[in-house]
Amino acid sequence: MSFLKSLFGRKETAPAEPVALKTAEHKGFTIRAMPFQEGGQHQLAGVIEKEIDGELKSHSFIRADRFPGAQEAADFALVKGRQLIDEQGEKIFK
C-alpha cells in the first residue's frame, strides 16, 4: 500500500527560498531583485542593502506590479530600488 501511496499520494514541497535574479550597485547601495511567483505571474520584489558603521542594513520591498516573466520583474525591481534610494537615501533603513 505504501508503494501505491508514494506513486499517487500528494507530495508536499517546502516553499522555495527567495533568490536574487539580478544585482546592481547604486550610490553605494546594493539592490537585489527578488521577484516571486504569484498567481501565475511574477511579483516585483527586492532588497536594498548597505553597510553602515560596520553593520549591514537591509530594506525589503514588494510592489503590486506583476509581470509575465521573472526577468522582466527583476529588471523593474532594479529600477524601483534605484528610485527608492534616490528618494530616501539612508533614511530607508529607519
PDB file of N, CA and C in Angstrom:
ATOM      1  N   MET A   1       0.821  -1.195   0.000  1.00  0.00           N
ATOM      2  CA  MET A   1       0.000   0.000   0.000  1.00  0.00           C
ATOM      3  C   MET A   1       0.862   1.256   0.000  1.00  0.00           C
ATOM      4  N   SER A   2       1.958   1.262   0.739  1.00  0.00           N
ATOM      5  CA  SER A   2       2.788   2.464   0.792  1.00  0.00           C
ATOM      6  C   SER A   2       3.433   2.751  -0.567  1.00  0.00           C
ATOM      7  N   PHE A   3       3.672   1.696  -1.364  1.00  0.00           N
ATOM      8  CA  PHE A   3       4.213   1.898  -2.696  1.00  0.00           C
ATOM      9  C   PHE A   3       3.223   2.670  -3.564  1.00  0.00           C
ATOM     10  N   LEU A   4       1.953   2.264  -3.538  1.00  0.00           N
ATOM     11  CA  LEU A   4       0.931   2.966  -4.304  1.00  0.00           C
ATOM     12  C   LEU A   4       0.728   4.384  -3.785  1.00  0.00           C
ATOM     13  N   LYS A   5       0.798   4.522  -2.489  1.00  0.00           N
ATOM     14  CA  LYS A   5       0.638   5.846  -1.885  1.00  0.00           C
ATOM     15  C   LYS A   5       1.763   6.773  -2.334  1.00  0.00           C
ATOM     16  N   SER A   6       2.982   6.239  -2.421  1.00  0.00           N
ATOM     17  CA  SER A   6       4.100   7.076  -2.856  1.00  0.00           C
ATOM     18  C   SER A   6       3.981   7.456  -4.329  1.00  0.00           C
ATOM     19  N   LEU A   7       3.359   6.598  -5.123  1.00  0.00           N
ATOM     20  CA  LEU A   7       3.162   6.910  -6.532  1.00  0.00           C
ATOM     21  C   LEU A   7       2.055   7.932  -6.756  1.00  0.00           C
ATOM     22  N   PHE A   8       0.964   7.779  -6.024  1.00  0.00           N
ATOM     23  CA  PHE A   8      -0.219   8.597  -6.272  1.00  0.00           C
ATOM     24  C   PHE A   8      -0.524   9.587  -5.164  1.00  0.00           C
ATOM     25  N   GLY A   9       0.209   9.515  -4.086  1.00  0.00           N
ATOM     26  CA  GLY A   9      -0.042  10.423  -2.968  1.00  0.00           C
ATOM     27  C   GLY A   9       0.414  11.843  -3.273  1.00  0.00           C
ATOM     28  N   ARG A  10      -0.092  12.741  -2.474  1.00  0.00           N
ATOM     29  CA  ARG A  10       0.285  14.149  -2.624  1.00  0.00           C
ATOM     30  C   ARG A  10       1.690  14.373  -2.104  1.00  0.00           C
ATOM     31  N   LYS A  11       2.452  15.094  -2.865  1.00  0.00           N
ATOM     32  CA  LYS A  11       3.808  15.413  -2.421  1.00  0.00           C
ATOM     33  C   LYS A  11       3.806  16.830  -1.872  1.00  0.00           C
ATOM     34  N   GLU A  12       4.338  16.961  -0.689  1.00  0.00           N
ATOM     35  CA  GLU A  12       4.431  18.283  -0.088  1.00  0.00           C
ATOM     36  C   GLU A  12       5.805  18.845  -0.380  1.00  0.00           C
ATOM     37  N   THR A  13       5.818  20.092  -0.805  1.00  0.00           N
ATOM     38  CA  THR A  13       7.090  20.737  -1.086  1.00  0.00           C
ATOM     39  C   THR A  13       7.208  21.992  -0.238  1.00  0.00           C
ATOM     40  N   ALA A  14       8.386  22.229   0.225  1.00  0.00           N
ATOM     41  CA  ALA A  14       8.638  23.434   1.010  1.00  0.00           C
ATOM     42  C   ALA A  14       8.710  24.626   0.069  1.00  0.00           C
ATOM     43  N   PRO A  15       8.293  25.800   0.550  1.00  0.00           N
ATOM     44  CA  PRO A  15       8.396  26.983  -0.305  1.00  0.00           C
ATOM     45  C   PRO A  15       9.861  27.256  -0.656  1.00  0.00           C
ATOM     46  N   ALA A  16      10.065  27.669  -1.883  1.00  0.00           N
ATOM     47  CA  ALA A  16      11.428  27.929  -2.340  1.00  0.00           C
ATOM     48  C   ALA A  16      11.983  29.176  -1.660  1.00  0.00           C
ATOM     49  N   GLU A  17      13.255  29.138  -1.346  1.00  0.00           N
ATOM     50  CA  GLU A  17      13.923  30.313  -0.780  1.00  0.00           C
ATOM     51  C   GLU A  17      14.020  31.375  -1.854  1.00  0.00           C
ATOM     52  N   PRO A  18      13.785  32.638  -1.495  1.00  0.00           N
ATOM     53  CA  PRO A  18      13.924  33.700  -2.489  1.00  0.00           C
ATOM     54  C   PRO A  18      15.352  33.754  -3.033  1.00  0.00           C
ATOM     55  N   VAL A  19      15.459  33.986  -4.312  1.00  0.00           N
ATOM     56  CA  VAL A  19      16.755  34.038  -4.969  1.00  0.00           C
ATOM     57  C   VAL A  19      16.874  35.361  -5.710  1.00  0.00           C
ATOM     58  N   ALA A  20      18.025  36.006  -5.567  1.00  0.00           N
ATOM     59  CA  ALA A  20      18.259  37.252  -6.296  1.00  0.00           C
ATOM     60  C   ALA A  20      18.545  36.916  -7.756  1.00  0.00           C
ATOM     61  N   LEU A  21      17.670  37.362  -8.659  1.00  0.00           N
ATOM     62  CA  LEU A  21      17.878  37.103 -10.079  1.00  0.00           C
ATOM     63  C   LEU A  21      18.884  38.075 -10.674  1.00  0.00           C
ATOM     64  N   LYS A  22      18.881  39.312 -10.169  1.00  0.00           N
ATOM     65  CA  LYS A  22      19.810  40.321 -10.654  1.00  0.00           C
ATOM     66  C   LYS A  22      20.254  41.163  -9.467  1.00  0.00           C
ATOM     67  N   THR A  23      21.454  41.717  -9.580  1.00  0.00           N
ATOM     68  CA  THR A  23      22.004  42.577  -8.544  1.00  0.00           C
ATOM     69  C   THR A  23      22.616  43.795  -9.210  1.00  0.00           C
ATOM     70  N   ALA A  24      22.469  44.949  -8.546  1.00  0.00           N
ATOM     71  CA  ALA A  24      23.051  46.186  -9.076  1.00  0.00           C
ATOM     72  C   ALA A  24      23.536  47.047  -7.916  1.00  0.00           C
ATOM     73  N   GLU A  25      24.544  47.845  -8.193  1.00  0.00           N
ATOM     74  CA  GLU A  25      25.053  48.828  -7.242  1.00  0.00           C
ATOM     75  C   GLU A  25      24.520  50.193  -7.653  1.00  0.00           C
ATOM     76  N   HIS A  26      24.142  51.017  -6.654  1.00  0.00           N
ATOM     77  CA  HIS A  26      23.657  52.363  -6.935  1.00  0.00           C
ATOM     78  C   HIS A  26      23.959  53.245  -5.731  1.00  0.00           C
ATOM     79  N   LYS A  27      24.814  54.232  -5.922  1.00  0.00           N
ATOM     80  CA  LYS A  27      25.169  55.211  -4.886  1.00  0.00           C
ATOM     81  C   LYS A  27      25.632  54.556  -3.590  1.00  0.00           C
ATOM     82  N   GLY A  28      26.383  53.478  -3.695  1.00  0.00           N
ATOM     83  CA  GLY A  28      26.900  52.787  -2.517  1.00  0.00           C
ATOM     84  C   GLY A  28      25.961  51.755  -1.924  1.00  0.00           C
ATOM     85  N   PHE A  29      24.779  51.597  -2.478  1.00  0.00           N
ATOM     86  CA  PHE A  29      23.802  50.605  -2.034  1.00  0.00           C
ATOM     87  C   PHE A  29      23.855  49.416  -2.987  1.00  0.00           C
ATOM     88  N   THR A  30      23.459  48.264  -2.491  1.00  0.00           N
ATOM     89  CA  THR A  30      23.299  47.075  -3.327  1.00  0.00           C
ATOM     90  C   THR A  30      21.811  46.780  -3.446  1.00  0.00           C
ATOM     91  N   ILE A  31      21.355  46.598  -4.663  1.00  0.00           N
ATOM     92  CA  ILE A  31      19.950  46.259  -4.913  1.00  0.00           C
ATOM     93  C   ILE A  31      19.914  44.825  -5.429  1.00  0.00           C
ATOM     94  N   ARG A  32      19.090  44.003  -4.785  1.00  0.00           N
ATOM     95  CA  ARG A  32      18.917  42.616  -5.223  1.00  0.00           C
ATOM     96  C   ARG A  32      17.457  42.445  -5.672  1.00  0.00           C
ATOM     97  N   ALA A  33      17.282  42.125  -6.935  1.00  0.00           N
ATOM     98  CA  ALA A  33      15.949  41.875  -7.477  1.00  0.00           C
ATOM     99  C   ALA A  33      15.539  40.454  -7.117  1.00  0.00           C
ATOM    100  N   MET A  34      14.423  40.329  -6.400  1.00  0.00           N
ATOM    101  CA  MET A  34      13.986  39.022  -5.914  1.00  0.00           C
ATOM    102  C   MET A  34      12.494  38.800  -6.182  1.00  0.00           C
ATOM    103  N   PRO A  35      12.077  38.819  -7.455  1.00  0.00           N
ATOM    104  CA  PRO A  35      10.665  38.600  -7.745  1.00  0.00           C
ATOM    105  C   PRO A  35      10.244  37.184  -7.349  1.00  0.00           C
ATOM    106  N   PHE A  36       8.959  37.053  -7.058  1.00  0.00           N
ATOM    107  CA  PHE A  36       8.434  35.729  -6.715  1.00  0.00           C
ATOM    108  C   PHE A  36       7.163  35.471  -7.507  1.00  0.00           C
ATOM    109  N   GLN A  37       6.861  34.198  -7.667  1.00  0.00           N
ATOM    110  CA  GLN A  37       5.696  33.823  -8.459  1.00  0.00           C
ATOM    111  C   GLN A  37       4.438  33.962  -7.610  1.00  0.00           C
ATOM    112  N   GLU A  38       3.432  34.606  -8.198  1.00  0.00           N
ATOM    113  CA  GLU A  38       2.164  34.830  -7.515  1.00  0.00           C
ATOM    114  C   GLU A  38       1.052  34.824  -8.553  1.00  0.00           C
ATOM    115  N   GLY A  39       0.139  33.910  -8.428  1.00  0.00           N
ATOM    116  CA  GLY A  39      -0.997  33.851  -9.338  1.00  0.00           C
ATOM    117  C   GLY A  39      -0.610  33.685 -10.801  1.00  0.00           C
ATOM    118  N   GLY A  40       0.405  32.901 -11.081  1.00  0.00           N
ATOM    119  CA  GLY A  40       0.823  32.652 -12.455  1.00  0.00           C
ATOM    120  C   GLY A  40       1.686  33.745 -13.061  1.00  0.00           C
ATOM    121  N   GLN A  41       1.964  34.787 -12.276  1.00  0.00           N
ATOM    122  CA  GLN A  41       2.838  35.860 -12.750  1.00  0.00           C
ATOM    123  C   GLN A  41       3.952  36.082 -11.730  1.00  0.00           C
ATOM    124  N   HIS A  42       4.833  37.023 -12.026  1.00  0.00           N
ATOM    125  CA  HIS A  42       5.962  37.299 -11.137  1.00  0.00           C
ATOM    126  C   HIS A  42       5.790  38.684 -10.530  1.00  0.00           C
ATOM    127  N   GLN A  43       5.777  38.712  -9.209  1.00  0.00           N
ATOM    128  CA  GLN A  43       5.562  39.957  -8.480  1.00  0.00           C
ATOM    129  C   GLN A  43       6.892  40.666  -8.234  1.00  0.00           C
ATOM    130  N   LEU A  44       6.880  41.984  -8.418  1.00  0.00           N
ATOM    131  CA  LEU A  44       8.069  42.802  -8.230  1.00  0.00           C
ATOM    132  C   LEU A  44       8.430  42.836  -6.754  1.00  0.00           C
ATOM    133  N   ALA A  45       9.666  42.451  -6.438  1.00  0.00           N
ATOM    134  CA  ALA A  45      10.156  42.466  -5.058  1.00  0.00           C
ATOM    135  C   ALA A  45      11.672  42.564  -5.083  1.00  0.00           C
ATOM    136  N   GLY A  46      12.227  43.065  -3.985  1.00  0.00           N
ATOM    137  CA  GLY A  46      13.675  43.165  -3.912  1.00  0.00           C
ATOM    138  C   GLY A  46      14.144  43.544  -2.522  1.00  0.00           C
ATOM    139  N   VAL A  47      15.452  43.661  -2.397  1.00  0.00           N
ATOM    140  CA  VAL A  47      16.097  44.037  -1.148  1.00  0.00           C
ATOM    141  C   VAL A  47      17.159  45.082  -1.466  1.00  0.00           C
ATOM    142  N   ILE A  48      17.211  46.117  -0.628  1.00  0.00           N
ATOM    143  CA  ILE A  48      18.243  47.144  -0.735  1.00  0.00           C
ATOM    144  C   ILE A  48      19.133  46.986   0.487  1.00  0.00           C
ATOM    145  N   GLU A  49      20.455  46.954   0.277  1.00  0.00           N
ATOM    146  CA  GLU A  49      21.405  46.760   1.370  1.00  0.00           C
ATOM    147  C   GLU A  49      22.520  47.791   1.313  1.00  0.00           C
ATOM    148  N   LYS A  50      23.045  48.108   2.490  1.00  0.00           N
ATOM    149  CA  LYS A  50      24.221  48.980   2.577  1.00  0.00           C
ATOM    150  C   LYS A  50      24.875  48.754   3.929  1.00  0.00           C
ATOM    151  N   GLU A  51      26.187  48.733   3.937  1.00  0.00           N
ATOM    152  CA  GLU A  51      26.915  48.614   5.191  1.00  0.00           C
ATOM    153  C   GLU A  51      27.099  50.014   5.763  1.00  0.00           C
ATOM    154  N   ILE A  52      26.615  50.203   6.986  1.00  0.00           N
ATOM    155  CA  ILE A  52      26.704  51.490   7.671  1.00  0.00           C
ATOM    156  C   ILE A  52      27.332  51.243   9.038  1.00  0.00           C
ATOM    157  N   ASP A  53      28.453  51.911   9.306  1.00  0.00           N
ATOM    158  CA  ASP A  53      29.187  51.756  10.568  1.00  0.00           C
ATOM    159  C   ASP A  53      29.475  50.293  10.885  1.00  0.00           C
ATOM    160  N   GLY A  54      29.865  49.532   9.872  1.00  0.00           N
ATOM    161  CA  GLY A  54      30.237  48.132  10.051  1.00  0.00           C
ATOM    162  C   GLY A  54      29.060  47.176  10.170  1.00  0.00           C
ATOM    163  N   GLU A  55      27.835  47.674  10.051  1.00  0.00           N
ATOM    164  CA  GLU A  55      26.648  46.829  10.157  1.00  0.00           C
ATOM    165  C   GLU A  55      25.899  46.830   8.834  1.00  0.00           C
ATOM    166  N   LEU A  56      25.550  45.641   8.359  1.00  0.00           N
ATOM    167  CA  LEU A  56      24.809  45.522   7.103  1.00  0.00           C
ATOM    168  C   LEU A  56      23.338  45.790   7.370  1.00  0.00           C
ATOM    169  N   LYS A  57      22.825  46.853   6.767  1.00  0.00           N
ATOM    170  CA  LYS A  57      21.415  47.218   6.894  1.00  0.00           C
ATOM    171  C   LYS A  57      20.697  46.744   5.637  1.00  0.00           C
ATOM    172  N   SER A  58      19.444  46.355   5.786  1.00  0.00           N
ATOM    173  CA  SER A  58      18.691  45.929   4.608  1.00  0.00           C
ATOM    174  C   SER A  58      17.238  46.387   4.719  1.00  0.00           C
ATOM    175  N   HIS A  59      16.652  46.601   3.565  1.00  0.00           N
ATOM    176  CA  HIS A  59      15.250  47.011   3.458  1.00  0.00           C
ATOM    177  C   HIS A  59      14.620  46.192   2.335  1.00  0.00           C
ATOM    178  N   SER A  60      13.584  45.446   2.665  1.00  0.00           N
ATOM    179  CA  SER A  60      12.862  44.650   1.662  1.00  0.00           C
ATOM    180  C   SER A  60      11.691  45.454   1.130  1.00  0.00           C
ATOM    181  N   PHE A  61      11.405  45.280  -0.155  1.00  0.00           N
ATOM    182  CA  PHE A  61      10.243  45.942  -0.737  1.00  0.00           C
ATOM    183  C   PHE A  61       9.509  44.994  -1.669  1.00  0.00           C
ATOM    184  N   ILE A  62       8.190  45.142  -1.665  1.00  0.00           N
ATOM    185  CA  ILE A  62       7.310  44.391  -2.562  1.00  0.00           C
ATOM    186  C   ILE A  62       6.336  45.411  -3.136  1.00  0.00           C
ATOM    187  N   ARG A  63       6.134  45.366  -4.417  1.00  0.00           N
ATOM    188  CA  ARG A  63       5.199  46.271  -5.075  1.00  0.00           C
ATOM    189  C   ARG A  63       4.090  45.452  -5.733  1.00  0.00           C
ATOM    190  N   ALA A  64       2.992  46.095  -6.025  1.00  0.00           N
ATOM    191  CA  ALA A  64       1.826  45.420  -6.600  1.00  0.00           C
ATOM    192  C   ALA A  64       2.038  45.005  -8.054  1.00  0.00           C
ATOM    193  N   ASP A  65       3.072  45.548  -8.698  1.00  0.00           N
ATOM    194  CA  ASP A  65       3.314  45.256 -10.111  1.00  0.00           C
ATOM    195  C   ASP A  65       3.595  43.773 -10.325  1.00  0.00           C
ATOM    196  N   ARG A  66       2.961  43.225 -11.354  1.00  0.00           N
ATOM    197  CA  ARG A  66       3.199  41.824 -11.732  1.00  0.00           C
ATOM    198  C   ARG A  66       3.548  41.765 -13.210  1.00  0.00           C
ATOM    199  N   PHE A  67       4.389  40.788 -13.542  1.00  0.00           N
ATOM    200  CA  PHE A  67       4.900  40.655 -14.905  1.00  0.00           C
ATOM    201  C   PHE A  67       4.812  39.197 -15.332  1.00  0.00           C
ATOM    202  N   PRO A  68       4.698  38.953 -16.640  1.00  0.00           N
ATOM    203  CA  PRO A  68       4.618  37.570 -17.111  1.00  0.00           C
ATOM    204  C   PRO A  68       5.919  36.793 -16.928  1.00  0.00           C
ATOM    205  N   GLY A  69       7.055  37.483 -16.937  1.00  0.00           N
ATOM    206  CA  GLY A  69       8.341  36.802 -16.814  1.00  0.00           C
ATOM    207  C   GLY A  69       9.146  37.279 -15.625  1.00  0.00           C
ATOM    208  N   ALA A  70       9.946  36.381 -15.049  1.00  0.00           N
ATOM    209  CA  ALA A  70      10.771  36.712 -13.886  1.00  0.00           C
ATOM    210  C   ALA A  70      11.841  37.744 -14.236  1.00  0.00           C
ATOM    211  N   GLN A  71      12.432  37.651 -15.421  1.00  0.00           N
ATOM    212  CA  GLN A  71      13.493  38.588 -15.797  1.00  0.00           C
ATOM    213  C   GLN A  71      12.955  40.009 -15.927  1.00  0.00           C
ATOM    214  N   GLU A  72      11.759  40.142 -16.479  1.00  0.00           N
ATOM    215  CA  GLU A  72      11.143  41.458 -16.606  1.00  0.00           C
ATOM    216  C   GLU A  72      10.842  42.039 -15.219  1.00  0.00           C
ATOM    217  N   ALA A  73      10.340  41.208 -14.322  1.00  0.00           N
ATOM    218  CA  ALA A  73      10.072  41.657 -12.948  1.00  0.00           C
ATOM    219  C   ALA A  73      11.370  42.057 -12.258  1.00  0.00           C
ATOM    220  N   ALA A  74      12.449  41.324 -12.513  1.00  0.00           N
ATOM    221  CA  ALA A  74      13.749  41.646 -11.915  1.00  0.00           C
ATOM    222  C   ALA A  74      14.270  42.981 -12.447  1.00  0.00           C
ATOM    223  N   ASP A  75      14.128  43.217 -13.742  1.00  0.00           N
ATOM    224  CA  ASP A  75      14.566  44.491 -14.325  1.00  0.00           C
ATOM    225  C   ASP A  75      13.854  45.667 -13.662  1.00  0.00           C
ATOM    226  N   PHE A  76      12.550  45.544 -13.492  1.00  0.00           N
ATOM    227  CA  PHE A  76      11.787  46.635 -12.886  1.00  0.00           C
ATOM    228  C   PHE A  76      12.056  46.761 -11.390  1.00  0.00           C
ATOM    229  N   ALA A  77      12.423  45.661 -10.722  1.00  0.00           N
ATOM    230  CA  ALA A  77      12.791  45.737  -9.307  1.00  0.00           C
ATOM    231  C   ALA A  77      14.053  46.581  -9.137  1.00  0.00           C
ATOM    232  N   LEU A  78      14.992  46.454 -10.065  1.00  0.00           N
ATOM    233  CA  LEU A  78      16.198  47.281 -10.001  1.00  0.00           C
ATOM    234  C   LEU A  78      15.859  48.752 -10.218  1.00  0.00           C
ATOM    235  N   VAL A  79      14.958  49.025 -11.145  1.00  0.00           N
ATOM    236  CA  VAL A  79      14.512  50.409 -11.386  1.00  0.00           C
ATOM    237  C   VAL A  79      13.857  50.970 -10.128  1.00  0.00           C
ATOM    238  N   LYS A  80      12.965  50.197  -9.514  1.00  0.00           N
ATOM    239  CA  LYS A  80      12.265  50.644  -8.306  1.00  0.00           C
ATOM    240  C   LYS A  80      13.262  50.817  -7.155  1.00  0.00           C
ATOM    241  N   GLY A  81      14.226  49.935  -7.044  1.00  0.00           N
ATOM    242  CA  GLY A  81      15.251  50.068  -5.998  1.00  0.00           C
ATOM    243  C   GLY A  81      16.041  51.364  -6.143  1.00  0.00           C
ATOM    244  N   ARG A  82      16.438  51.699  -7.368  1.00  0.00           N
ATOM    245  CA  ARG A  82      17.158  52.956  -7.613  1.00  0.00           C
ATOM    246  C   ARG A  82      16.293  54.155  -7.236  1.00  0.00           C
ATOM    247  N   GLN A  83      15.022  54.075  -7.580  1.00  0.00           N
ATOM    248  CA  GLN A  83      14.095  55.165  -7.264  1.00  0.00           C
ATOM    249  C   GLN A  83      13.977  55.346  -5.746  1.00  0.00           C
ATOM    250  N   LEU A  84      13.841  54.255  -5.008  1.00  0.00           N
ATOM    251  CA  LEU A  84      13.750  54.338  -3.550  1.00  0.00           C
ATOM    252  C   LEU A  84      15.011  54.948  -2.949  1.00  0.00           C
ATOM    253  N   ILE A  85      16.167  54.571  -3.461  1.00  0.00           N
ATOM    254  CA  ILE A  85      17.436  55.107  -2.970  1.00  0.00           C
ATOM    255  C   ILE A  85      17.523  56.600  -3.272  1.00  0.00           C
ATOM    256  N   ASP A  86      17.156  56.988  -4.486  1.00  0.00           N
ATOM    257  CA  ASP A  86      17.205  58.401  -4.867  1.00  0.00           C
ATOM    258  C   ASP A  86      16.263  59.245  -4.003  1.00  0.00           C
ATOM    259  N   GLU A  87      15.115  58.702  -3.657  1.00  0.00           N
ATOM    260  CA  GLU A  87      14.129  59.445  -2.872  1.00  0.00           C
ATOM    261  C   GLU A  87      14.457  59.482  -1.380  1.00  0.00           C
ATOM    262  N   GLN A  88      14.959  58.352  -0.831  1.00  0.00           N
ATOM    263  CA  GLN A  88      15.100  58.253   0.618  1.00  0.00           C
ATOM    264  C   GLN A  88      16.527  58.127   1.132  1.00  0.00           C
ATOM    265  N   GLY A  89      17.436  57.687   0.298  1.00  0.00           N
ATOM    266  CA  GLY A  89      18.819  57.512   0.760  1.00  0.00           C
ATOM    267  C   GLY A  89      18.872  56.566   1.956  1.00  0.00           C
ATOM    268  N   GLU A  90      19.737  56.866   2.925  1.00  0.00           N
ATOM    269  CA  GLU A  90      19.893  56.000   4.095  1.00  0.00           C
ATOM    270  C   GLU A  90      18.690  56.016   5.028  1.00  0.00           C
ATOM    271  N   LYS A  91      17.785  56.973   4.862  1.00  0.00           N
ATOM    272  CA  LYS A  91      16.570  57.021   5.666  1.00  0.00           C
ATOM    273  C   LYS A  91      15.684  55.800   5.433  1.00  0.00           C
ATOM    274  N   ILE A  92      15.941  55.093   4.350  1.00  0.00           N
ATOM    275  CA  ILE A  92      15.152  53.900   4.034  1.00  0.00           C
ATOM    276  C   ILE A  92      15.269  52.823   5.116  1.00  0.00           C
ATOM    277  N   PHE A  93      16.336  52.869   5.898  1.00  0.00           N
ATOM    278  CA  PHE A  93      16.570  51.837   6.919  1.00  0.00           C
ATOM    279  C   PHE A  93      15.944  52.178   8.269  1.00  0.00           C
ATOM    280  N   LYS A  94      15.288  53.306   8.381  1.00  0.00           N
ATOM    281  CA  LYS A  94      14.690  53.697   9.677  1.00  0.00           C
ATOM    282  C   LYS A  94      13.261  53.277   9.792  1.00  0.00           C
TER     283      LYS A  94
END
